[in-house]
Amino acid sequence: SVAVGTGGVMAAVSVRRRWLRSLRVRVVTTAVITTCSGLGALLSVVA
């Protein structure tokens, strides 16, 4: 799960850089980055 969360963050950052001007992309990638980072951090502590 930590690996998948890291991959999700990397993918979202990559998509965000590709489409900088799209508000929807920024909002959605922020949601993905926040969710993946938070759950990844929580699960790494649990592990």
ModelCIF file with pLDDT and N, C-alpha, C, O atoms, coordinates in Angstrom:
data_MODEL
#
_entry.id   MODEL 
#
_entity.id                         1 
_entity.type                       polymer 
_entity.pdbx_number_of_molecules   1 
#
_entity_poly.entity_id                      1 
_entity_poly.type                           'polypeptide(L)' 
_entity_poly.nstd_linkage                   no 
_entity_poly.nstd_monomer                   no 
_entity_poly.pdbx_seq_one_letter_code       SVAVGTGGVMAAVSVRRRWLRSLRVRVVTTAVITTCSGLGALLSVVA 
_entity_poly.pdbx_seq_one_letter_code_can   SVAVGTGGVMAAVSVRRRWLRSLRVRVVTTAVITTCSGLGALLSVVA 
_entity_poly.pdbx_strand_id                 A 
#
loop_
_entity_poly_seq.entity_id 
_entity_poly_seq.num 
_entity_poly_seq.mon_id 
_entity_poly_seq.hetero 
1 1  SER n 
1 2  VAL n 
1 3  ALA n 
1 4  VAL n 
1 5  GLY n 
1 6  THR n 
1 7  GLY n 
1 8  GLY n 
1 9  VAL n 
1 10 MET n 
1 11 ALA n 
1 12 ALA n 
1 13 VAL n 
1 14 SER n 
1 15 VAL n 
1 16 ARG n 
1 17 ARG n 
1 18 ARG n 
1 19 TRP n 
1 20 LEU n 
1 21 ARG n 
1 22 SER n 
1 23 LEU n 
1 24 ARG n 
1 25 VAL n 
1 26 ARG n 
1 27 VAL n 
1 28 VAL n 
1 29 THR n 
1 30 THR n 
1 31 ALA n 
1 32 VAL n 
1 33 ILE n 
1 34 THR n 
1 35 THR n 
1 36 CYS n 
1 37 SER n 
1 38 GLY n 
1 39 LEU n 
1 40 GLY n 
1 41 ALA n 
1 42 LEU n 
1 43 LEU n 
1 44 SER n 
1 45 VAL n 
1 46 VAL n 
1 47 ALA n 
#
_struct_asym.id          A 
_struct_asym.entity_id   1 
#
loop_
_ma_qa_metric.id 
_ma_qa_metric.mode 
_ma_qa_metric.name 
_ma_qa_metric.software_group_id 
_ma_qa_metric.type 
1 global pLDDT . pLDDT 
2 local  pLDDT . pLDDT 
#
_ma_qa_metric_global.metric_id      1 
_ma_qa_metric_global.metric_value   93.94 
_ma_qa_metric_global.model_id       1 
_ma_qa_metric_global.ordinal_id     1 
#
loop_
_ma_qa_metric_local.label_asym_id 
_ma_qa_metric_local.label_comp_id 
_ma_qa_metric_local.label_seq_id 
_ma_qa_metric_local.metric_id 
_ma_qa_metric_local.metric_value 
_ma_qa_metric_local.model_id 
_ma_qa_metric_local.ordinal_id 
A SER 1  2 90.00 1 1  
A VAL 2  2 91.00 1 2  
A ALA 3  2 93.00 1 3  
A VAL 4  2 94.00 1 4  
A GLY 5  2 94.00 1 5  
A THR 6  2 95.00 1 6  
A GLY 7  2 96.00 1 7  
A GLY 8  2 96.00 1 8  
A VAL 9  2 97.00 1 9  
A MET 10 2 97.00 1 10 
A ALA 11 2 96.00 1 11 
A ALA 12 2 96.00 1 12 
A VAL 13 2 97.00 1 13 
A SER 14 2 97.00 1 14 
A VAL 15 2 96.00 1 15 
A ARG 16 2 95.00 1 16 
A ARG 17 2 95.00 1 17 
A ARG 18 2 95.00 1 18 
A TRP 19 2 93.00 1 19 
A LEU 20 2 89.00 1 20 
A ARG 21 2 92.00 1 21 
A SER 22 2 92.00 1 22 
A LEU 23 2 91.00 1 23 
A ARG 24 2 92.00 1 24 
A VAL 25 2 94.00 1 25 
A ARG 26 2 94.00 1 26 
A VAL 27 2 94.00 1 27 
A VAL 28 2 95.00 1 28 
A THR 29 2 96.00 1 29 
A THR 30 2 96.00 1 30 
A ALA 31 2 96.00 1 31 
A VAL 32 2 96.00 1 32 
A ILE 33 2 97.00 1 33 
A THR 34 2 97.00 1 34 
A THR 35 2 97.00 1 35 
A CYS 36 2 96.00 1 36 
A SER 37 2 96.00 1 37 
A GLY 38 2 95.00 1 38 
A LEU 39 2 94.00 1 39 
A GLY 40 2 92.00 1 40 
A ALA 41 2 93.00 1 41 
A LEU 42 2 93.00 1 42 
A LEU 43 2 91.00 1 43 
A SER 44 2 90.00 1 44 
A VAL 45 2 91.00 1 45 
A VAL 46 2 87.00 1 46 
A ALA 47 2 86.00 1 47 
#
loop_
_atom_site.group_PDB 
_atom_site.id 
_atom_site.type_symbol 
_atom_site.label_atom_id 
_atom_site.label_alt_id 
_atom_site.label_comp_id 
_atom_site.label_asym_id 
_atom_site.label_entity_id 
_atom_site.label_seq_id 
_atom_site.pdbx_PDB_ins_code 
_atom_site.Cartn_x 
_atom_site.Cartn_y 
_atom_site.Cartn_z 
_atom_site.occupancy 
_atom_site.B_iso_or_equiv 
_atom_site.pdbx_formal_charge 
_atom_site.auth_seq_id 
_atom_site.auth_comp_id 
_atom_site.auth_asym_id 
_atom_site.auth_atom_id 
_atom_site.pdbx_PDB_model_num 
ATOM 1   N N  . SER A 1 1  ? 0.829  -1.214 0.000   1.00 90.00 ? 1  SER A N  1 
ATOM 2   C CA . SER A 1 1  ? 0.000  0.000  0.000   1.00 90.00 ? 1  SER A CA 1 
ATOM 3   C C  . SER A 1 1  ? 0.854  1.251  0.000   1.00 90.00 ? 1  SER A C  1 
ATOM 4   O O  . SER A 1 1  ? 0.513  2.233  -0.659  1.00 90.00 ? 1  SER A O  1 
ATOM 5   N N  . VAL A 1 2  ? 1.944  1.229  0.720   1.00 91.00 ? 2  VAL A N  1 
ATOM 6   C CA . VAL A 1 2  ? 2.861  2.369  0.729   1.00 91.00 ? 2  VAL A CA 1 
ATOM 7   C C  . VAL A 1 2  ? 3.447  2.555  -0.674  1.00 91.00 ? 2  VAL A C  1 
ATOM 8   O O  . VAL A 1 2  ? 3.580  3.683  -1.149  1.00 91.00 ? 2  VAL A O  1 
ATOM 9   N N  . ALA A 1 3  ? 3.795  1.446  -1.333  1.00 93.00 ? 3  ALA A N  1 
ATOM 10  C CA . ALA A 1 3  ? 4.330  1.533  -2.693  1.00 93.00 ? 3  ALA A CA 1 
ATOM 11  C C  . ALA A 1 3  ? 3.289  2.082  -3.661  1.00 93.00 ? 3  ALA A C  1 
ATOM 12  O O  . ALA A 1 3  ? 3.611  2.918  -4.506  1.00 93.00 ? 3  ALA A O  1 
ATOM 13  N N  . VAL A 1 4  ? 2.050  1.624  -3.549  1.00 94.00 ? 4  VAL A N  1 
ATOM 14  C CA . VAL A 1 4  ? 0.981  2.117  -4.421  1.00 94.00 ? 4  VAL A CA 1 
ATOM 15  C C  . VAL A 1 4  ? 0.710  3.597  -4.138  1.00 94.00 ? 4  VAL A C  1 
ATOM 16  O O  . VAL A 1 4  ? 0.491  4.377  -5.065  1.00 94.00 ? 4  VAL A O  1 
ATOM 17  N N  . GLY A 1 5  ? 0.725  3.978  -2.867  1.00 94.00 ? 5  GLY A N  1 
ATOM 18  C CA . GLY A 1 5  ? 0.527  5.384  -2.505  1.00 94.00 ? 5  GLY A CA 1 
ATOM 19  C C  . GLY A 1 5  ? 1.623  6.276  -3.075  1.00 94.00 ? 5  GLY A C  1 
ATOM 20  O O  . GLY A 1 5  ? 1.355  7.377  -3.555  1.00 94.00 ? 5  GLY A O  1 
ATOM 21  N N  . THR A 1 6  ? 2.855  5.791  -3.016  1.00 95.00 ? 6  THR A N  1 
ATOM 22  C CA . THR A 1 6  ? 3.975  6.537  -3.594  1.00 95.00 ? 6  THR A CA 1 
ATOM 23  C C  . THR A 1 6  ? 3.818  6.669  -5.105  1.00 95.00 ? 6  THR A C  1 
ATOM 24  O O  . THR A 1 6  ? 4.060  7.733  -5.676  1.00 95.00 ? 6  THR A O  1 
ATOM 25  N N  . GLY A 1 7  ? 3.413  5.579  -5.741  1.00 96.00 ? 7  GLY A N  1 
ATOM 26  C CA . GLY A 1 7  ? 3.165  5.626  -7.179  1.00 96.00 ? 7  GLY A CA 1 
ATOM 27  C C  . GLY A 1 7  ? 2.038  6.571  -7.542  1.00 96.00 ? 7  GLY A C  1 
ATOM 28  O O  . GLY A 1 7  ? 2.107  7.269  -8.553  1.00 96.00 ? 7  GLY A O  1 
ATOM 29  N N  . GLY A 1 8  ? 1.001  6.596  -6.720  1.00 96.00 ? 8  GLY A N  1 
ATOM 30  C CA . GLY A 1 8  ? -0.112 7.519  -6.952  1.00 96.00 ? 8  GLY A CA 1 
ATOM 31  C C  . GLY A 1 8  ? 0.313  8.973  -6.853  1.00 96.00 ? 8  GLY A C  1 
ATOM 32  O O  . GLY A 1 8  ? -0.101 9.807  -7.658  1.00 96.00 ? 8  GLY A O  1 
ATOM 33  N N  . VAL A 1 9  ? 1.132  9.268  -5.874  1.00 97.00 ? 9  VAL A N  1 
ATOM 34  C CA . VAL A 1 9  ? 1.641  10.637 -5.721  1.00 97.00 ? 9  VAL A CA 1 
ATOM 35  C C  . VAL A 1 9  ? 2.503  11.015 -6.920  1.00 97.00 ? 9  VAL A C  1 
ATOM 36  O O  . VAL A 1 9  ? 2.370  12.113 -7.460  1.00 97.00 ? 9  VAL A O  1 
ATOM 37  N N  . MET A 1 10 ? 3.384  10.110 -7.335  1.00 97.00 ? 10 MET A N  1 
ATOM 38  C CA . MET A 1 10 ? 4.257  10.398 -8.472  1.00 97.00 ? 10 MET A CA 1 
ATOM 39  C C  . MET A 1 10 ? 3.448  10.598 -9.753  1.00 97.00 ? 10 MET A C  1 
ATOM 40  O O  . MET A 1 10 ? 3.736  11.503 -10.536 1.00 97.00 ? 10 MET A O  1 
ATOM 41  N N  . ALA A 1 11 ? 2.444  9.760  -9.965  1.00 96.00 ? 11 ALA A N  1 
ATOM 42  C CA . ALA A 1 11 ? 1.609  9.899  -11.154 1.00 96.00 ? 11 ALA A CA 1 
ATOM 43  C C  . ALA A 1 11 ? 0.825  11.207 -11.136 1.00 96.00 ? 11 ALA A C  1 
ATOM 44  O O  . ALA A 1 11 ? 0.727  11.887 -12.157 1.00 96.00 ? 11 ALA A O  1 
ATOM 45  N N  . ALA A 1 12 ? 0.269  11.560 -9.983  1.00 96.00 ? 12 ALA A N  1 
ATOM 46  C CA . ALA A 1 12 ? -0.509 12.793 -9.884  1.00 96.00 ? 12 ALA A CA 1 
ATOM 47  C C  . ALA A 1 12 ? 0.369  14.025 -10.101 1.00 96.00 ? 12 ALA A C  1 
ATOM 48  O O  . ALA A 1 12 ? -0.054 14.980 -10.752 1.00 96.00 ? 12 ALA A O  1 
ATOM 49  N N  . VAL A 1 13 ? 1.577  14.008 -9.565  1.00 97.00 ? 13 VAL A N  1 
ATOM 50  C CA . VAL A 1 13 ? 2.498  15.133 -9.776  1.00 97.00 ? 13 VAL A CA 1 
ATOM 51  C C  . VAL A 1 13 ? 2.863  15.248 -11.255 1.00 97.00 ? 13 VAL A C  1 
ATOM 52  O O  . VAL A 1 13 ? 2.943  16.349 -11.799 1.00 97.00 ? 13 VAL A O  1 
ATOM 53  N N  . SER A 1 14 ? 3.081  14.110 -11.892 1.00 97.00 ? 14 SER A N  1 
ATOM 54  C CA . SER A 1 14 ? 3.407  14.112 -13.317 1.00 97.00 ? 14 SER A CA 1 
ATOM 55  C C  . SER A 1 14 ? 2.254  14.671 -14.159 1.00 97.00 ? 14 SER A C  1 
ATOM 56  O O  . SER A 1 14 ? 2.472  15.485 -15.056 1.00 97.00 ? 14 SER A O  1 
ATOM 57  N N  . VAL A 1 15 ? 1.043  14.233 -13.866 1.00 96.00 ? 15 VAL A N  1 
ATOM 58  C CA . VAL A 1 15 ? -0.136 14.741 -14.587 1.00 96.00 ? 15 VAL A CA 1 
ATOM 59  C C  . VAL A 1 15 ? -0.314 16.230 -14.325 1.00 96.00 ? 15 VAL A C  1 
ATOM 60  O O  . VAL A 1 15 ? -0.637 16.996 -15.233 1.00 96.00 ? 15 VAL A O  1 
ATOM 61  N N  . ARG A 1 16 ? -0.105 16.624 -13.098 1.00 95.00 ? 16 ARG A N  1 
ATOM 62  C CA . ARG A 1 16 ? -0.271 18.040 -12.737 1.00 95.00 ? 16 ARG A CA 1 
ATOM 63  C C  . ARG A 1 16 ? 0.717  18.925 -13.488 1.00 95.00 ? 16 ARG A C  1 
ATOM 64  O O  . ARG A 1 16 ? 0.365  20.017 -13.933 1.00 95.00 ? 16 ARG A O  1 
ATOM 65  N N  . ARG A 1 17 ? 1.951  18.453 -13.628 1.00 95.00 ? 17 ARG A N  1 
ATOM 66  C CA . ARG A 1 17 ? 2.955  19.232 -14.364 1.00 95.00 ? 17 ARG A CA 1 
ATOM 67  C C  . ARG A 1 17 ? 2.625  19.318 -15.844 1.00 95.00 ? 17 ARG A C  1 
ATOM 68  O O  . ARG A 1 17 ? 2.923  20.316 -16.499 1.00 95.00 ? 17 ARG A O  1 
ATOM 69  N N  . ARG A 1 18 ? 2.011  18.269 -16.365 1.00 95.00 ? 18 ARG A N  1 
ATOM 70  C CA . ARG A 1 18 ? 1.682  18.227 -17.795 1.00 95.00 ? 18 ARG A CA 1 
ATOM 71  C C  . ARG A 1 18 ? 0.586  19.224 -18.141 1.00 95.00 ? 18 ARG A C  1 
ATOM 72  O O  . ARG A 1 18 ? 0.660  19.891 -19.172 1.00 95.00 ? 18 ARG A O  1 
ATOM 73  N N  . TRP A 1 19 ? -0.434 19.333 -17.286 1.00 93.00 ? 19 TRP A N  1 
ATOM 74  C CA . TRP A 1 19 ? -1.566 20.227 -17.544 1.00 93.00 ? 19 TRP A CA 1 
ATOM 75  C C  . TRP A 1 19 ? -1.663 21.272 -16.431 1.00 93.00 ? 19 TRP A C  1 
ATOM 76  O O  . TRP A 1 19 ? -2.584 21.246 -15.614 1.00 93.00 ? 19 TRP A O  1 
ATOM 77  N N  . LEU A 1 20 ? -0.706 22.182 -16.416 1.00 89.00 ? 20 LEU A N  1 
ATOM 78  C CA . LEU A 1 20 ? -0.628 23.194 -15.360 1.00 89.00 ? 20 LEU A CA 1 
ATOM 79  C C  . LEU A 1 20 ? -1.814 24.156 -15.359 1.00 89.00 ? 20 LEU A C  1 
ATOM 80  O O  . LEU A 1 20 ? -2.225 24.627 -14.298 1.00 89.00 ? 20 LEU A O  1 
ATOM 81  N N  . ARG A 1 21 ? -2.359 24.448 -16.515 1.00 92.00 ? 21 ARG A N  1 
ATOM 82  C CA . ARG A 1 21 ? -3.371 25.501 -16.607 1.00 92.00 ? 21 ARG A CA 1 
ATOM 83  C C  . ARG A 1 21 ? -4.785 25.038 -16.315 1.00 92.00 ? 21 ARG A C  1 
ATOM 84  O O  . ARG A 1 21 ? -5.681 25.870 -16.168 1.00 92.00 ? 21 ARG A O  1 
ATOM 85  N N  . SER A 1 22 ? -5.013 23.736 -16.226 1.00 92.00 ? 22 SER A N  1 
ATOM 86  C CA . SER A 1 22 ? -6.358 23.220 -16.003 1.00 92.00 ? 22 SER A CA 1 
ATOM 87  C C  . SER A 1 22 ? -6.691 23.213 -14.512 1.00 92.00 ? 22 SER A C  1 
ATOM 88  O O  . SER A 1 22 ? -6.034 22.534 -13.723 1.00 92.00 ? 22 SER A O  1 
ATOM 89  N N  . LEU A 1 23 ? -7.711 23.969 -14.138 1.00 91.00 ? 23 LEU A N  1 
ATOM 90  C CA . LEU A 1 23 ? -8.121 24.033 -12.737 1.00 91.00 ? 23 LEU A CA 1 
ATOM 91  C C  . LEU A 1 23 ? -8.598 22.674 -12.250 1.00 91.00 ? 23 LEU A C  1 
ATOM 92  O O  . LEU A 1 23 ? -8.266 22.264 -11.137 1.00 91.00 ? 23 LEU A O  1 
ATOM 93  N N  . ARG A 1 24 ? -9.369 21.975 -13.063 1.00 92.00 ? 24 ARG A N  1 
ATOM 94  C CA . ARG A 1 24 ? -9.884 20.671 -12.644 1.00 92.00 ? 24 ARG A CA 1 
ATOM 95  C C  . ARG A 1 24 ? -8.752 19.681 -12.411 1.00 92.00 ? 24 ARG A C  1 
ATOM 96  O O  . ARG A 1 24 ? -8.797 18.905 -11.457 1.00 92.00 ? 24 ARG A O  1 
ATOM 97  N N  . VAL A 1 25 ? -7.741 19.697 -13.267 1.00 94.00 ? 25 VAL A N  1 
ATOM 98  C CA . VAL A 1 25 ? -6.600 18.798 -13.080 1.00 94.00 ? 25 VAL A CA 1 
ATOM 99  C C  . VAL A 1 25 ? -5.884 19.133 -11.778 1.00 94.00 ? 25 VAL A C  1 
ATOM 100 O O  . VAL A 1 25 ? -5.490 18.238 -11.031 1.00 94.00 ? 25 VAL A O  1 
ATOM 101 N N  . ARG A 1 26 ? -5.719 20.406 -11.512 1.00 94.00 ? 26 ARG A N  1 
ATOM 102 C CA . ARG A 1 26 ? -5.057 20.797 -10.255 1.00 94.00 ? 26 ARG A CA 1 
ATOM 103 C C  . ARG A 1 26 ? -5.853 20.347 -9.039  1.00 94.00 ? 26 ARG A C  1 
ATOM 104 O O  . ARG A 1 26 ? -5.280 19.867 -8.062  1.00 94.00 ? 26 ARG A O  1 
ATOM 105 N N  . VAL A 1 27 ? -7.179 20.500 -9.095  1.00 94.00 ? 27 VAL A N  1 
ATOM 106 C CA . VAL A 1 27 ? -8.020 20.129 -7.961  1.00 94.00 ? 27 VAL A CA 1 
ATOM 107 C C  . VAL A 1 27 ? -8.007 18.612 -7.757  1.00 94.00 ? 27 VAL A C  1 
ATOM 108 O O  . VAL A 1 27 ? -7.860 18.134 -6.633  1.00 94.00 ? 27 VAL A O  1 
ATOM 109 N N  . VAL A 1 28 ? -8.158 17.870 -8.835  1.00 95.00 ? 28 VAL A N  1 
ATOM 110 C CA . VAL A 1 28 ? -8.197 16.413 -8.731  1.00 95.00 ? 28 VAL A CA 1 
ATOM 111 C C  . VAL A 1 28 ? -6.838 15.856 -8.310  1.00 95.00 ? 28 VAL A C  1 
ATOM 112 O O  . VAL A 1 28 ? -6.772 14.962 -7.466  1.00 95.00 ? 28 VAL A O  1 
ATOM 113 N N  . THR A 1 29 ? -5.762 16.372 -8.887  1.00 96.00 ? 29 THR A N  1 
ATOM 114 C CA . THR A 1 29 ? -4.447 15.868 -8.493  1.00 96.00 ? 29 THR A CA 1 
ATOM 115 C C  . THR A 1 29 ? -4.110 16.230 -7.051  1.00 96.00 ? 29 THR A C  1 
ATOM 116 O O  . THR A 1 29 ? -3.412 15.474 -6.376  1.00 96.00 ? 29 THR A O  1 
ATOM 117 N N  . THR A 1 30 ? -4.591 17.361 -6.572  1.00 96.00 ? 30 THR A N  1 
ATOM 118 C CA . THR A 1 30 ? -4.412 17.693 -5.155  1.00 96.00 ? 30 THR A CA 1 
ATOM 119 C C  . THR A 1 30 ? -5.122 16.673 -4.279  1.00 96.00 ? 30 THR A C  1 
ATOM 120 O O  . THR A 1 30 ? -4.581 16.250 -3.257  1.00 96.00 ? 30 THR A O  1 
ATOM 121 N N  . ALA A 1 31 ? -6.323 16.276 -4.667  1.00 96.00 ? 31 ALA A N  1 
ATOM 122 C CA . ALA A 1 31 ? -7.065 15.261 -3.912  1.00 96.00 ? 31 ALA A CA 1 
ATOM 123 C C  . ALA A 1 31 ? -6.325 13.923 -3.918  1.00 96.00 ? 31 ALA A C  1 
ATOM 124 O O  . ALA A 1 31 ? -6.238 13.256 -2.887  1.00 96.00 ? 31 ALA A O  1 
ATOM 125 N N  . VAL A 1 32 ? -5.798 13.534 -5.066  1.00 96.00 ? 32 VAL A N  1 
ATOM 126 C CA . VAL A 1 32 ? -5.070 12.266 -5.170  1.00 96.00 ? 32 VAL A CA 1 
ATOM 127 C C  . VAL A 1 32 ? -3.788 12.317 -4.353  1.00 96.00 ? 32 VAL A C  1 
ATOM 128 O O  . VAL A 1 32 ? -3.477 11.377 -3.622  1.00 96.00 ? 32 VAL A O  1 
ATOM 129 N N  . ILE A 1 33 ? -3.045 13.406 -4.472  1.00 97.00 ? 33 ILE A N  1 
ATOM 130 C CA . ILE A 1 33 ? -1.784 13.548 -3.722  1.00 97.00 ? 33 ILE A CA 1 
ATOM 131 C C  . ILE A 1 33 ? -2.044 13.513 -2.224  1.00 97.00 ? 33 ILE A C  1 
ATOM 132 O O  . ILE A 1 33 ? -1.334 12.835 -1.481  1.00 97.00 ? 33 ILE A O  1 
ATOM 133 N N  . THR A 1 34 ? -3.051 14.237 -1.784  1.00 97.00 ? 34 THR A N  1 
ATOM 134 C CA . THR A 1 34 ? -3.362 14.280 -0.353  1.00 97.00 ? 34 THR A CA 1 
ATOM 135 C C  . THR A 1 34 ? -3.800 12.915 0.157   1.00 97.00 ? 34 THR A C  1 
ATOM 136 O O  . THR A 1 34 ? -3.340 12.463 1.206   1.00 97.00 ? 34 THR A O  1 
ATOM 137 N N  . THR A 1 35 ? -4.688 12.257 -0.584  1.00 97.00 ? 35 THR A N  1 
ATOM 138 C CA . THR A 1 35 ? -5.190 10.952 -0.156  1.00 97.00 ? 35 THR A CA 1 
ATOM 139 C C  . THR A 1 35 ? -4.079 9.911  -0.137  1.00 97.00 ? 35 THR A C  1 
ATOM 140 O O  . THR A 1 35 ? -3.909 9.199  0.854   1.00 97.00 ? 35 THR A O  1 
ATOM 141 N N  . CYS A 1 36 ? -3.328 9.819  -1.219  1.00 96.00 ? 36 CYS A N  1 
ATOM 142 C CA . CYS A 1 36 ? -2.251 8.824  -1.287  1.00 96.00 ? 36 CYS A CA 1 
ATOM 143 C C  . CYS A 1 36 ? -1.165 9.088  -0.244  1.00 96.00 ? 36 CYS A C  1 
ATOM 144 O O  . CYS A 1 36 ? -0.653 8.154  0.373   1.00 96.00 ? 36 CYS A O  1 
ATOM 145 N N  . SER A 1 37 ? -0.819 10.341 -0.052  1.00 96.00 ? 37 SER A N  1 
ATOM 146 C CA . SER A 1 37 ? 0.216  10.673 0.940   1.00 96.00 ? 37 SER A CA 1 
ATOM 147 C C  . SER A 1 37 ? -0.250 10.342 2.353   1.00 96.00 ? 37 SER A C  1 
ATOM 148 O O  . SER A 1 37 ? 0.480  9.729  3.132   1.00 96.00 ? 37 SER A O  1 
ATOM 149 N N  . GLY A 1 38 ? -1.460 10.751 2.669   1.00 95.00 ? 38 GLY A N  1 
ATOM 150 C CA . GLY A 1 38 ? -1.991 10.514 4.015   1.00 95.00 ? 38 GLY A CA 1 
ATOM 151 C C  . GLY A 1 38 ? -2.144 9.043  4.331   1.00 95.00 ? 38 GLY A C  1 
ATOM 152 O O  . GLY A 1 38 ? -1.701 8.582  5.382   1.00 95.00 ? 38 GLY A O  1 
ATOM 153 N N  . LEU A 1 39 ? -2.773 8.296  3.423   1.00 94.00 ? 39 LEU A N  1 
ATOM 154 C CA . LEU A 1 39 ? -2.945 6.863  3.663   1.00 94.00 ? 39 LEU A CA 1 
ATOM 155 C C  . LEU A 1 39 ? -1.612 6.130  3.620   1.00 94.00 ? 39 LEU A C  1 
ATOM 156 O O  . LEU A 1 39 ? -1.393 5.206  4.404   1.00 94.00 ? 39 LEU A O  1 
ATOM 157 N N  . GLY A 1 40 ? -0.725 6.523  2.723   1.00 92.00 ? 40 GLY A N  1 
ATOM 158 C CA . GLY A 1 40 ? 0.595  5.897  2.675   1.00 92.00 ? 40 GLY A CA 1 
ATOM 159 C C  . GLY A 1 40 ? 1.380  6.115  3.955   1.00 92.00 ? 40 GLY A C  1 
ATOM 160 O O  . GLY A 1 40 ? 2.023  5.194  4.461   1.00 92.00 ? 40 GLY A O  1 
ATOM 161 N N  . ALA A 1 41 ? 1.329  7.331  4.480   1.00 93.00 ? 41 ALA A N  1 
ATOM 162 C CA . ALA A 1 41 ? 2.026  7.623  5.741   1.00 93.00 ? 41 ALA A CA 1 
ATOM 163 C C  . ALA A 1 41 ? 1.412  6.845  6.899   1.00 93.00 ? 41 ALA A C  1 
ATOM 164 O O  . ALA A 1 41 ? 2.129  6.285  7.728   1.00 93.00 ? 41 ALA A O  1 
ATOM 165 N N  . LEU A 1 42 ? 0.097  6.813  6.951   1.00 93.00 ? 42 LEU A N  1 
ATOM 166 C CA . LEU A 1 42 ? -0.589 6.079  8.021   1.00 93.00 ? 42 LEU A CA 1 
ATOM 167 C C  . LEU A 1 42 ? -0.258 4.594  7.957   1.00 93.00 ? 42 LEU A C  1 
ATOM 168 O O  . LEU A 1 42 ? 0.037  3.977  8.981   1.00 93.00 ? 42 LEU A O  1 
ATOM 169 N N  . LEU A 1 43 ? -0.305 4.023  6.766   1.00 91.00 ? 43 LEU A N  1 
ATOM 170 C CA . LEU A 1 43 ? -0.019 2.599  6.632   1.00 91.00 ? 43 LEU A CA 1 
ATOM 171 C C  . LEU A 1 43 ? 1.451  2.274  6.862   1.00 91.00 ? 43 LEU A C  1 
ATOM 172 O O  . LEU A 1 43 ? 1.767  1.170  7.307   1.00 91.00 ? 43 LEU A O  1 
ATOM 173 N N  . SER A 1 44 ? 2.354  3.199  6.574   1.00 90.00 ? 44 SER A N  1 
ATOM 174 C CA . SER A 1 44 ? 3.760  2.948  6.866   1.00 90.00 ? 44 SER A CA 1 
ATOM 175 C C  . SER A 1 44 ? 4.011  2.924  8.372   1.00 90.00 ? 44 SER A C  1 
ATOM 176 O O  . SER A 1 44 ? 4.835  2.149  8.857   1.00 90.00 ? 44 SER A O  1 
ATOM 177 N N  . VAL A 1 45 ? 3.304  3.768  9.099   1.00 91.00 ? 45 VAL A N  1 
ATOM 178 C CA . VAL A 1 45 ? 3.407  3.737  10.566  1.00 91.00 ? 45 VAL A CA 1 
ATOM 179 C C  . VAL A 1 45 ? 2.847  2.427  11.102  1.00 91.00 ? 45 VAL A C  1 
ATOM 180 O O  . VAL A 1 45 ? 3.445  1.804  11.979  1.00 91.00 ? 45 VAL A O  1 
ATOM 181 N N  . VAL A 1 46 ? 1.695  2.009  10.573  1.00 87.00 ? 46 VAL A N  1 
ATOM 182 C CA . VAL A 1 46 ? 1.096  0.748  11.007  1.00 87.00 ? 46 VAL A CA 1 
ATOM 183 C C  . VAL A 1 46 ? 2.030  -0.423 10.706  1.00 87.00 ? 46 VAL A C  1 
ATOM 184 O O  . VAL A 1 46 ? 2.207  -1.307 11.544  1.00 87.00 ? 46 VAL A O  1 
ATOM 185 N N  . ALA A 1 47 ? 2.626  -0.432 9.517   1.00 86.00 ? 47 ALA A N  1 
ATOM 186 C CA . ALA A 1 47 ? 3.559  -1.497 9.145   1.00 86.00 ? 47 ALA A CA 1 
ATOM 187 C C  . ALA A 1 47 ? 4.782  -1.507 10.060  1.00 86.00 ? 47 ALA A C  1 
ATOM 188 O O  . ALA A 1 47 ? 5.672  -2.340 9.891   1.00 86.00 ? 47 ALA A O  1 
#
